[in-house]
């Protein structure tokens, strides 16, 4: 799972949805097995200080209707590919090793 910022309201909504659908163990399994990636954390590791998705979108020329779930998701995906520069397979090797 790739996300930009998963805290506060977003986390509670996400957690509620997983519990409501009976998948609450899945979310914790993903986090415990490092099957998640934060674009904010990735950017920080690469030396970037910008944390806001809308500022990243503006800088990179990514179309964004901020706080629209689908638009935010698409922008996050584009930011992810920008940050990983085609090396996303290296980041998710532990995920694929665990689930294969």
PDB file of N, CA and C in Angstrom:
ATOM      1  N   UNK A   1       0.846  -1.156   0.000  1.00  0.00           N
ATOM      2  CA  UNK A   1       0.000   0.000   0.000  1.00  0.00           C
ATOM      3  C   UNK A   1       0.895   1.222   0.000  1.00  0.00           C
ATOM      4  N   UNK A   2       0.606   2.131  -0.884  1.00  0.00           N
ATOM      5  CA  UNK A   2       1.343   3.392  -0.963  1.00  0.00           C
ATOM      6  C   UNK A   2       0.409   4.502  -0.514  1.00  0.00           C
ATOM      7  N   UNK A   3       0.908   5.376   0.328  1.00  0.00           N
ATOM      8  CA  UNK A   3       0.100   6.487   0.824  1.00  0.00           C
ATOM      9  C   UNK A   3       0.984   7.713   0.985  1.00  0.00           C
ATOM     10  N   UNK A   4       0.360   8.859   1.039  1.00  0.00           N
ATOM     11  CA  UNK A   4       1.118  10.086   1.249  1.00  0.00           C
ATOM     12  C   UNK A   4       1.179  10.391   2.740  1.00  0.00           C
ATOM     13  N   UNK A   5       0.050  10.590   3.345  1.00  0.00           N
ATOM     14  CA  UNK A   5      -0.015  10.863   4.782  1.00  0.00           C
ATOM     15  C   UNK A   5      -1.172  10.053   5.351  1.00  0.00           C
ATOM     16  N   UNK A   6      -0.866   9.210   6.294  1.00  0.00           N
ATOM     17  CA  UNK A   6      -1.902   8.347   6.862  1.00  0.00           C
ATOM     18  C   UNK A   6      -1.905   8.555   8.370  1.00  0.00           C
ATOM     19  N   UNK A   7      -2.521   9.632   8.774  1.00  0.00           N
ATOM     20  CA  UNK A   7      -2.589   9.932  10.203  1.00  0.00           C
ATOM     21  C   UNK A   7      -3.891  10.663  10.482  1.00  0.00           C
ATOM     22  N   UNK A   8      -4.210  10.780  11.740  1.00  0.00           N
ATOM     23  CA  UNK A   8      -5.407  11.515  12.120  1.00  0.00           C
ATOM     24  C   UNK A   8      -6.657  10.960  11.483  1.00  0.00           C
ATOM     25  N   UNK A   9      -7.406  11.818  10.843  1.00  0.00           N
ATOM     26  CA  UNK A   9      -8.677  11.441  10.232  1.00  0.00           C
ATOM     27  C   UNK A   9      -8.500  10.315   9.223  1.00  0.00           C
ATOM     28  N   UNK A  10      -7.505  10.422   8.381  1.00  0.00           N
ATOM     29  CA  UNK A  10      -7.307   9.402   7.347  1.00  0.00           C
ATOM     30  C   UNK A  10      -7.094   8.030   7.966  1.00  0.00           C
ATOM     31  N   UNK A  11      -6.245   7.948   9.003  1.00  0.00           N
ATOM     32  CA  UNK A  11      -5.989   6.663   9.640  1.00  0.00           C
ATOM     33  C   UNK A  11      -7.264   6.106  10.262  1.00  0.00           C
ATOM     34  N   UNK A  12      -8.015   6.939  10.966  1.00  0.00           N
ATOM     35  CA  UNK A  12      -9.228   6.465  11.626  1.00  0.00           C
ATOM     36  C   UNK A  12     -10.254   5.974  10.601  1.00  0.00           C
ATOM     37  N   UNK A  13     -10.367   6.684   9.489  1.00  0.00           N
ATOM     38  CA  UNK A  13     -11.290   6.269   8.440  1.00  0.00           C
ATOM     39  C   UNK A  13     -10.851   4.937   7.844  1.00  0.00           C
ATOM     40  N   UNK A  14      -9.570   4.828   7.570  1.00  0.00           N
ATOM     41  CA  UNK A  14      -9.015   3.618   6.990  1.00  0.00           C
ATOM     42  C   UNK A  14      -9.190   2.442   7.946  1.00  0.00           C
ATOM     43  N   UNK A  15      -8.820   2.642   9.202  1.00  0.00           N
ATOM     44  CA  UNK A  15      -8.952   1.601  10.222  1.00  0.00           C
ATOM     45  C   UNK A  15     -10.411   1.182  10.383  1.00  0.00           C
ATOM     46  N   UNK A  16     -11.319   2.154  10.432  1.00  0.00           N
ATOM     47  CA  UNK A  16     -12.751   1.866  10.564  1.00  0.00           C
ATOM     48  C   UNK A  16     -13.241   1.011   9.395  1.00  0.00           C
ATOM     49  N   UNK A  17     -12.823   1.376   8.192  1.00  0.00           N
ATOM     50  CA  UNK A  17     -13.260   0.650   6.998  1.00  0.00           C
ATOM     51  C   UNK A  17     -12.770  -0.797   7.036  1.00  0.00           C
ATOM     52  N   UNK A  18     -11.517  -1.006   7.416  1.00  0.00           N
ATOM     53  CA  UNK A  18     -10.993  -2.368   7.498  1.00  0.00           C
ATOM     54  C   UNK A  18     -11.715  -3.171   8.566  1.00  0.00           C
ATOM     55  N   UNK A  19     -12.016  -2.546   9.699  1.00  0.00           N
ATOM     56  CA  UNK A  19     -12.726  -3.256  10.771  1.00  0.00           C
ATOM     57  C   UNK A  19     -14.158  -3.581  10.343  1.00  0.00           C
ATOM     58  N   UNK A  20     -14.800  -2.641   9.681  1.00  0.00           N
ATOM     59  CA  UNK A  20     -16.192  -2.817   9.248  1.00  0.00           C
ATOM     60  C   UNK A  20     -16.315  -3.968   8.243  1.00  0.00           C
ATOM     61  N   UNK A  21     -15.287  -4.137   7.426  1.00  0.00           N
ATOM     62  CA  UNK A  21     -15.325  -5.184   6.410  1.00  0.00           C
ATOM     63  C   UNK A  21     -14.701  -6.492   6.889  1.00  0.00           C
ATOM     64  N   UNK A  22     -14.242  -6.517   8.144  1.00  0.00           N
ATOM     65  CA  UNK A  22     -13.645  -7.727   8.688  1.00  0.00           C
ATOM     66  C   UNK A  22     -12.211  -7.967   8.259  1.00  0.00           C
ATOM     67  N   UNK A  23     -11.565  -6.936   7.730  1.00  0.00           N
ATOM     68  CA  UNK A  23     -10.196  -7.090   7.247  1.00  0.00           C
ATOM     69  C   UNK A  23      -9.165  -6.434   8.165  1.00  0.00           C
ATOM     70  N   UNK A  24      -9.548  -6.194   9.435  1.00  0.00           N
ATOM     71  CA  UNK A  24      -8.655  -5.455  10.323  1.00  0.00           C
ATOM     72  C   UNK A  24      -7.291  -6.121  10.493  1.00  0.00           C
ATOM     73  N   UNK A  25      -7.231  -7.437  10.418  1.00  0.00           N
ATOM     74  CA  UNK A  25      -5.942  -8.107  10.546  1.00  0.00           C
ATOM     75  C   UNK A  25      -5.061  -7.834   9.334  1.00  0.00           C
ATOM     76  N   UNK A  26      -5.675  -7.610   8.190  1.00  0.00           N
ATOM     77  CA  UNK A  26      -4.912  -7.357   6.964  1.00  0.00           C
ATOM     78  C   UNK A  26      -4.111  -6.072   7.054  1.00  0.00           C
ATOM     79  N   UNK A  27      -4.715  -5.024   7.593  1.00  0.00           N
ATOM     80  CA  UNK A  27      -4.011  -3.746   7.658  1.00  0.00           C
ATOM     81  C   UNK A  27      -2.787  -3.842   8.561  1.00  0.00           C
ATOM     82  N   UNK A  28      -2.922  -4.516   9.682  1.00  0.00           N
ATOM     83  CA  UNK A  28      -1.785  -4.646  10.591  1.00  0.00           C
ATOM     84  C   UNK A  28      -0.726  -5.571  10.019  1.00  0.00           C
ATOM     85  N   UNK A  29      -1.154  -6.557   9.272  1.00  0.00           N
ATOM     86  CA  UNK A  29      -0.221  -7.463   8.615  1.00  0.00           C
ATOM     87  C   UNK A  29       0.613  -6.691   7.582  1.00  0.00           C
ATOM     88  N   UNK A  30      -0.040  -5.815   6.823  1.00  0.00           N
ATOM     89  CA  UNK A  30       0.676  -5.009   5.835  1.00  0.00           C
ATOM     90  C   UNK A  30       1.744  -4.160   6.505  1.00  0.00           C
ATOM     91  N   UNK A  31       1.378  -3.474   7.586  1.00  0.00           N
ATOM     92  CA  UNK A  31       2.328  -2.595   8.258  1.00  0.00           C
ATOM     93  C   UNK A  31       3.434  -3.386   8.948  1.00  0.00           C
ATOM     94  N   UNK A  32       3.100  -4.512   9.548  1.00  0.00           N
ATOM     95  CA  UNK A  32       4.107  -5.310  10.252  1.00  0.00           C
ATOM     96  C   UNK A  32       5.106  -5.958   9.302  1.00  0.00           C
ATOM     97  N   UNK A  33       4.705  -6.216   8.069  1.00  0.00           N
ATOM     98  CA  UNK A  33       5.593  -6.865   7.113  1.00  0.00           C
ATOM     99  C   UNK A  33       6.167  -5.878   6.106  1.00  0.00           C
ATOM    100  N   UNK A  34       6.126  -4.609   6.462  1.00  0.00           N
ATOM    101  CA  UNK A  34       6.737  -3.549   5.630  1.00  0.00           C
ATOM    102  C   UNK A  34       6.202  -3.549   4.210  1.00  0.00           C
ATOM    103  N   UNK A  35       4.897  -3.749   4.063  1.00  0.00           N
ATOM    104  CA  UNK A  35       4.260  -3.767   2.749  1.00  0.00           C
ATOM    105  C   UNK A  35       3.609  -2.423   2.451  1.00  0.00           C
ATOM    106  N   UNK A  36       4.117  -1.388   3.075  1.00  0.00           N
ATOM    107  CA  UNK A  36       3.565  -0.057   2.870  1.00  0.00           C
ATOM    108  C   UNK A  36       4.696   0.903   2.555  1.00  0.00           C
ATOM    109  N   UNK A  37       4.343   1.998   1.932  1.00  0.00           N
ATOM    110  CA  UNK A  37       5.327   3.020   1.618  1.00  0.00           C
ATOM    111  C   UNK A  37       4.665   4.379   1.728  1.00  0.00           C
ATOM    112  N   UNK A  38       5.288   5.255   2.470  1.00  0.00           N
ATOM    113  CA  UNK A  38       4.829   6.627   2.597  1.00  0.00           C
ATOM    114  C   UNK A  38       5.639   7.497   1.650  1.00  0.00           C
ATOM    115  N   UNK A  39       4.962   8.239   0.792  1.00  0.00           N
ATOM    116  CA  UNK A  39       5.706   9.127  -0.103  1.00  0.00           C
ATOM    117  C   UNK A  39       6.371  10.252   0.682  1.00  0.00           C
ATOM    118  N   UNK A  40       5.785  10.659   1.813  1.00  0.00           N
ATOM    119  CA  UNK A  40       6.436  11.681   2.650  1.00  0.00           C
ATOM    120  C   UNK A  40       7.742  11.132   3.206  1.00  0.00           C
ATOM    121  N   UNK A  41       7.701   9.926   3.777  1.00  0.00           N
ATOM    122  CA  UNK A  41       8.912   9.328   4.353  1.00  0.00           C
ATOM    123  C   UNK A  41       9.965   9.077   3.274  1.00  0.00           C
ATOM    124  N   UNK A  42       9.532   8.628   2.102  1.00  0.00           N
ATOM    125  CA  UNK A  42      10.463   8.390   1.002  1.00  0.00           C
ATOM    126  C   UNK A  42      11.121   9.692   0.578  1.00  0.00           C
ATOM    127  N   UNK A  43      10.341  10.752   0.458  1.00  0.00           N
ATOM    128  CA  UNK A  43      10.885  12.054   0.072  1.00  0.00           C
ATOM    129  C   UNK A  43      11.900  12.537   1.104  1.00  0.00           C
ATOM    130  N   UNK A  44      11.589  12.372   2.377  1.00  0.00           N
ATOM    131  CA  UNK A  44      12.515  12.792   3.438  1.00  0.00           C
ATOM    132  C   UNK A  44      13.823  12.016   3.363  1.00  0.00           C
ATOM    133  N   UNK A  45      13.731  10.708   3.120  1.00  0.00           N
ATOM    134  CA  UNK A  45      14.943   9.890   3.014  1.00  0.00           C
ATOM    135  C   UNK A  45      15.819  10.340   1.848  1.00  0.00           C
ATOM    136  N   UNK A  46      15.181  10.900   0.829  1.00  0.00           N
ATOM    137  CA  UNK A  46      15.916  11.383  -0.339  1.00  0.00           C
ATOM    138  C   UNK A  46      16.360  12.836  -0.175  1.00  0.00           C
ATOM    139  N   UNK A  47      16.093  13.413   0.989  1.00  0.00           N
ATOM    140  CA  UNK A  47      16.558  14.767   1.276  1.00  0.00           C
ATOM    141  C   UNK A  47      15.578  15.876   0.956  1.00  0.00           C
ATOM    142  N   UNK A  48      14.366  15.546   0.550  1.00  0.00           N
ATOM    143  CA  UNK A  48      13.362  16.566   0.262  1.00  0.00           C
ATOM    144  C   UNK A  48      12.678  16.993   1.556  1.00  0.00           C
ATOM    145  N   UNK A  49      12.326  18.263   1.635  1.00  0.00           N
ATOM    146  CA  UNK A  49      11.665  18.763   2.837  1.00  0.00           C
ATOM    147  C   UNK A  49      10.172  19.022   2.617  1.00  0.00           C
ATOM    148  N   UNK A  50       9.742  18.991   1.386  1.00  0.00           N
ATOM    149  CA  UNK A  50       8.342  19.284   1.075  1.00  0.00           C
ATOM    150  C   UNK A  50       7.460  18.107   1.488  1.00  0.00           C
ATOM    151  N   UNK A  51       6.461  18.380   2.334  1.00  0.00           N
ATOM    152  CA  UNK A  51       5.578  17.318   2.812  1.00  0.00           C
ATOM    153  C   UNK A  51       4.181  17.371   2.224  1.00  0.00           C
ATOM    154  N   UNK A  52       3.819  18.439   1.579  1.00  0.00           N
ATOM    155  CA  UNK A  52       2.430  18.632   1.152  1.00  0.00           C
ATOM    156  C   UNK A  52       2.211  18.126  -0.270  1.00  0.00           C
ATOM    157  N   UNK A  53       1.196  17.288  -0.416  1.00  0.00           N
ATOM    158  CA  UNK A  53       0.894  16.714  -1.723  1.00  0.00           C
ATOM    159  C   UNK A  53       0.576  17.796  -2.744  1.00  0.00           C
ATOM    160  N   UNK A  54      -0.169  18.812  -2.349  1.00  0.00           N
ATOM    161  CA  UNK A  54      -0.523  19.863  -3.309  1.00  0.00           C
ATOM    162  C   UNK A  54       0.709  20.651  -3.769  1.00  0.00           C
ATOM    163  N   UNK A  55       1.694  20.822  -2.897  1.00  0.00           N
ATOM    164  CA  UNK A  55       2.921  21.518  -3.303  1.00  0.00           C
ATOM    165  C   UNK A  55       3.763  20.651  -4.232  1.00  0.00           C
ATOM    166  N   UNK A  56       3.823  19.355  -3.946  1.00  0.00           N
ATOM    167  CA  UNK A  56       4.509  18.439  -4.859  1.00  0.00           C
ATOM    168  C   UNK A  56       3.839  18.464  -6.232  1.00  0.00           C
ATOM    169  N   UNK A  57       2.512  18.419  -6.237  1.00  0.00           N
ATOM    170  CA  UNK A  57       1.769  18.417  -7.504  1.00  0.00           C
ATOM    171  C   UNK A  57       2.084  19.674  -8.311  1.00  0.00           C
ATOM    172  N   UNK A  58       2.089  20.801  -7.649  1.00  0.00           N
ATOM    173  CA  UNK A  58       2.386  22.065  -8.337  1.00  0.00           C
ATOM    174  C   UNK A  58       3.812  22.053  -8.890  1.00  0.00           C
ATOM    175  N   UNK A  59       4.762  21.608  -8.081  1.00  0.00           N
ATOM    176  CA  UNK A  59       6.166  21.569  -8.493  1.00  0.00           C
ATOM    177  C   UNK A  59       6.382  20.646  -9.686  1.00  0.00           C
ATOM    178  N   UNK A  60       5.716  19.494  -9.675  1.00  0.00           N
ATOM    179  CA  UNK A  60       5.925  18.495 -10.723  1.00  0.00           C
ATOM    180  C   UNK A  60       4.936  18.615 -11.878  1.00  0.00           C
ATOM    181  N   UNK A  61       4.009  19.559 -11.800  1.00  0.00           N
ATOM    182  CA  UNK A  61       3.021  19.722 -12.861  1.00  0.00           C
ATOM    183  C   UNK A  61       1.994  18.616 -12.898  1.00  0.00           C
ATOM    184  N   UNK A  62       1.667  18.078 -11.732  1.00  0.00           N
ATOM    185  CA  UNK A  62       0.679  16.999 -11.630  1.00  0.00           C
ATOM    186  C   UNK A  62      -0.693  17.625 -11.396  1.00  0.00           C
ATOM    187  N   UNK A  63      -1.664  17.214 -12.195  1.00  0.00           N
ATOM    188  CA  UNK A  63      -3.033  17.707 -12.019  1.00  0.00           C
ATOM    189  C   UNK A  63      -3.570  17.197 -10.687  1.00  0.00           C
ATOM    190  N   UNK A  64      -4.171  18.104  -9.911  1.00  0.00           N
ATOM    191  CA  UNK A  64      -4.662  17.719  -8.591  1.00  0.00           C
ATOM    192  C   UNK A  64      -5.871  18.553  -8.197  1.00  0.00           C
ATOM    193  N   UNK A  65      -6.947  17.865  -7.859  1.00  0.00           N
ATOM    194  CA  UNK A  65      -8.112  18.476  -7.227  1.00  0.00           C
ATOM    195  C   UNK A  65      -7.984  18.071  -5.762  1.00  0.00           C
ATOM    196  N   UNK A  66      -7.249  18.891  -5.000  1.00  0.00           N
ATOM    197  CA  UNK A  66      -6.817  18.531  -3.652  1.00  0.00           C
ATOM    198  C   UNK A  66      -7.984  18.147  -2.742  1.00  0.00           C
ATOM    199  N   UNK A  67      -7.797  17.080  -1.998  1.00  0.00           N
ATOM    200  CA  UNK A  67      -8.760  16.489  -1.066  1.00  0.00           C
ATOM    201  C   UNK A  67      -9.903  15.759  -1.774  1.00  0.00           C
ATOM    202  N   UNK A  68      -9.779  15.565  -3.067  1.00  0.00           N
ATOM    203  CA  UNK A  68     -10.667  14.659  -3.791  1.00  0.00           C
ATOM    204  C   UNK A  68      -9.948  13.317  -3.780  1.00  0.00           C
ATOM    205  N   UNK A  69     -10.584  12.291  -3.239  1.00  0.00           N
ATOM    206  CA  UNK A  69      -9.902  11.015  -3.004  1.00  0.00           C
ATOM    207  C   UNK A  69      -9.239  10.447  -4.259  1.00  0.00           C
ATOM    208  N   UNK A  70      -9.947  10.426  -5.373  1.00  0.00           N
ATOM    209  CA  UNK A  70      -9.380   9.858  -6.591  1.00  0.00           C
ATOM    210  C   UNK A  70      -8.219  10.712  -7.101  1.00  0.00           C
ATOM    211  N   UNK A  71      -8.395  12.012  -7.089  1.00  0.00           N
ATOM    212  CA  UNK A  71      -7.349  12.916  -7.552  1.00  0.00           C
ATOM    213  C   UNK A  71      -6.113  12.814  -6.654  1.00  0.00           C
ATOM    214  N   UNK A  72      -6.311  12.774  -5.348  1.00  0.00           N
ATOM    215  CA  UNK A  72      -5.195  12.631  -4.414  1.00  0.00           C
ATOM    216  C   UNK A  72      -4.461  11.312  -4.645  1.00  0.00           C
ATOM    217  N   UNK A  73      -5.221  10.248  -4.920  1.00  0.00           N
ATOM    218  CA  UNK A  73      -4.628   8.936  -5.159  1.00  0.00           C
ATOM    219  C   UNK A  73      -3.760   8.950  -6.410  1.00  0.00           C
ATOM    220  N   UNK A  74      -4.271   9.533  -7.469  1.00  0.00           N
ATOM    221  CA  UNK A  74      -3.506   9.609  -8.719  1.00  0.00           C
ATOM    222  C   UNK A  74      -2.245  10.441  -8.533  1.00  0.00           C
ATOM    223  N   UNK A  75      -2.362  11.567  -7.836  1.00  0.00           N
ATOM    224  CA  UNK A  75      -1.205  12.428  -7.600  1.00  0.00           C
ATOM    225  C   UNK A  75      -0.166  11.707  -6.741  1.00  0.00           C
ATOM    226  N   UNK A  76      -0.629  10.973  -5.741  1.00  0.00           N
ATOM    227  CA  UNK A  76       0.274  10.211  -4.880  1.00  0.00           C
ATOM    228  C   UNK A  76       1.024   9.156  -5.700  1.00  0.00           C
ATOM    229  N   UNK A  77       0.318   8.480  -6.585  1.00  0.00           N
ATOM    230  CA  UNK A  77       0.955   7.467  -7.440  1.00  0.00           C
ATOM    231  C   UNK A  77       2.018   8.106  -8.336  1.00  0.00           C
ATOM    232  N   UNK A  78       1.705   9.239  -8.919  1.00  0.00           N
ATOM    233  CA  UNK A  78       2.673   9.932  -9.783  1.00  0.00           C
ATOM    234  C   UNK A  78       3.881  10.403  -8.973  1.00  0.00           C
ATOM    235  N   UNK A  79       3.647  10.890  -7.761  1.00  0.00           N
ATOM    236  CA  UNK A  79       4.742  11.300  -6.889  1.00  0.00           C
ATOM    237  C   UNK A  79       5.607  10.100  -6.538  1.00  0.00           C
ATOM    238  N   UNK A  80       4.978   8.982  -6.252  1.00  0.00           N
ATOM    239  CA  UNK A  80       5.700   7.746  -5.942  1.00  0.00           C
ATOM    240  C   UNK A  80       6.637   7.364  -7.084  1.00  0.00           C
ATOM    241  N   UNK A  81       6.129   7.374  -8.310  1.00  0.00           N
ATOM    242  CA  UNK A  81       6.972   7.012  -9.452  1.00  0.00           C
ATOM    243  C   UNK A  81       8.077   8.038  -9.675  1.00  0.00           C
ATOM    244  N   UNK A  82       7.799   9.306  -9.402  1.00  0.00           N
ATOM    245  CA  UNK A  82       8.836  10.329  -9.503  1.00  0.00           C
ATOM    246  C   UNK A  82       9.944  10.061  -8.487  1.00  0.00           C
ATOM    247  N   UNK A  83       9.574   9.788  -7.248  1.00  0.00           N
ATOM    248  CA  UNK A  83      10.558   9.582  -6.182  1.00  0.00           C
ATOM    249  C   UNK A  83      11.377   8.314  -6.365  1.00  0.00           C
ATOM    250  N   UNK A  84      10.753   7.251  -6.877  1.00  0.00           N
ATOM    251  CA  UNK A  84      11.461   5.979  -7.029  1.00  0.00           C
ATOM    252  C   UNK A  84      12.210   5.880  -8.348  1.00  0.00           C
ATOM    253  N   UNK A  85      11.919   6.766  -9.272  1.00  0.00           N
ATOM    254  CA  UNK A  85      12.614   6.821 -10.568  1.00  0.00           C
ATOM    255  C   UNK A  85      12.767   5.450 -11.236  1.00  0.00           C
ATOM    256  N   UNK A  86      11.694   4.681 -11.219  1.00  0.00           N
ATOM    257  CA  UNK A  86      11.709   3.389 -11.892  1.00  0.00           C
ATOM    258  C   UNK A  86      12.329   2.268 -11.081  1.00  0.00           C
ATOM    259  N   UNK A  87      12.671   2.533  -9.831  1.00  0.00           N
ATOM    260  CA  UNK A  87      13.301   1.507  -8.996  1.00  0.00           C
ATOM    261  C   UNK A  87      12.337   1.000  -7.934  1.00  0.00           C
ATOM    262  N   UNK A  88      11.038   1.136  -8.210  1.00  0.00           N
ATOM    263  CA  UNK A  88      10.042   0.730  -7.218  1.00  0.00           C
ATOM    264  C   UNK A  88      10.142  -0.739  -6.857  1.00  0.00           C
ATOM    265  N   UNK A  89      10.635  -1.573  -7.781  1.00  0.00           N
ATOM    266  CA  UNK A  89      10.760  -3.001  -7.476  1.00  0.00           C
ATOM    267  C   UNK A  89      11.732  -3.233  -6.324  1.00  0.00           C
ATOM    268  N   UNK A  90      12.773  -2.397  -6.199  1.00  0.00           N
ATOM    269  CA  UNK A  90      13.731  -2.553  -5.106  1.00  0.00           C
ATOM    270  C   UNK A  90      13.078  -2.256  -3.761  1.00  0.00           C
ATOM    271  N   UNK A  91      12.173  -1.296  -3.746  1.00  0.00           N
ATOM    272  CA  UNK A  91      11.508  -0.911  -2.509  1.00  0.00           C
ATOM    273  C   UNK A  91      10.569  -2.010  -2.040  1.00  0.00           C
ATOM    274  N   UNK A  92       9.912  -2.683  -2.982  1.00  0.00           N
ATOM    275  CA  UNK A  92       8.924  -3.677  -2.618  1.00  0.00           C
ATOM    276  C   UNK A  92       9.446  -5.107  -2.652  1.00  0.00           C
ATOM    277  N   UNK A  93      10.750  -5.327  -2.783  1.00  0.00           N
ATOM    278  CA  UNK A  93      11.284  -6.684  -2.753  1.00  0.00           C
ATOM    279  C   UNK A  93      10.850  -7.457  -1.512  1.00  0.00           C
ATOM    280  N   UNK A  94      10.902  -6.853  -0.308  1.00  0.00           N
ATOM    281  CA  UNK A  94      10.447  -7.614   0.876  1.00  0.00           C
ATOM    282  C   UNK A  94       8.981  -8.043   0.765  1.00  0.00           C
ATOM    283  N   UNK A  95       8.154  -7.209   0.173  1.00  0.00           N
ATOM    284  CA  UNK A  95       6.743  -7.535  -0.004  1.00  0.00           C
ATOM    285  C   UNK A  95       6.589  -8.754  -0.910  1.00  0.00           C
ATOM    286  N   UNK A  96       7.266  -8.724  -2.043  1.00  0.00           N
ATOM    287  CA  UNK A  96       7.127  -9.822  -2.988  1.00  0.00           C
ATOM    288  C   UNK A  96       7.731 -11.116  -2.432  1.00  0.00           C
ATOM    289  N   UNK A  97       8.814 -11.015  -1.693  1.00  0.00           N
ATOM    290  CA  UNK A  97       9.398 -12.204  -1.085  1.00  0.00           C
ATOM    291  C   UNK A  97       8.461 -12.814  -0.062  1.00  0.00           C
ATOM    292  N   UNK A  98       7.755 -11.975   0.694  1.00  0.00           N
ATOM    293  CA  UNK A  98       6.846 -12.467   1.718  1.00  0.00           C
ATOM    294  C   UNK A  98       5.626 -13.140   1.110  1.00  0.00           C
ATOM    295  N   UNK A  99       5.081 -12.548   0.038  1.00  0.00           N
ATOM    296  CA  UNK A  99       3.827 -13.054  -0.520  1.00  0.00           C
ATOM    297  C   UNK A  99       4.001 -14.036  -1.665  1.00  0.00           C
ATOM    298  N   UNK A 100       5.202 -14.315  -2.100  1.00  0.00           N
ATOM    299  CA  UNK A 100       5.412 -15.288  -3.184  1.00  0.00           C
ATOM    300  C   UNK A 100       5.847 -16.623  -2.640  1.00  0.00           C
TER     301      UNK A 100
END
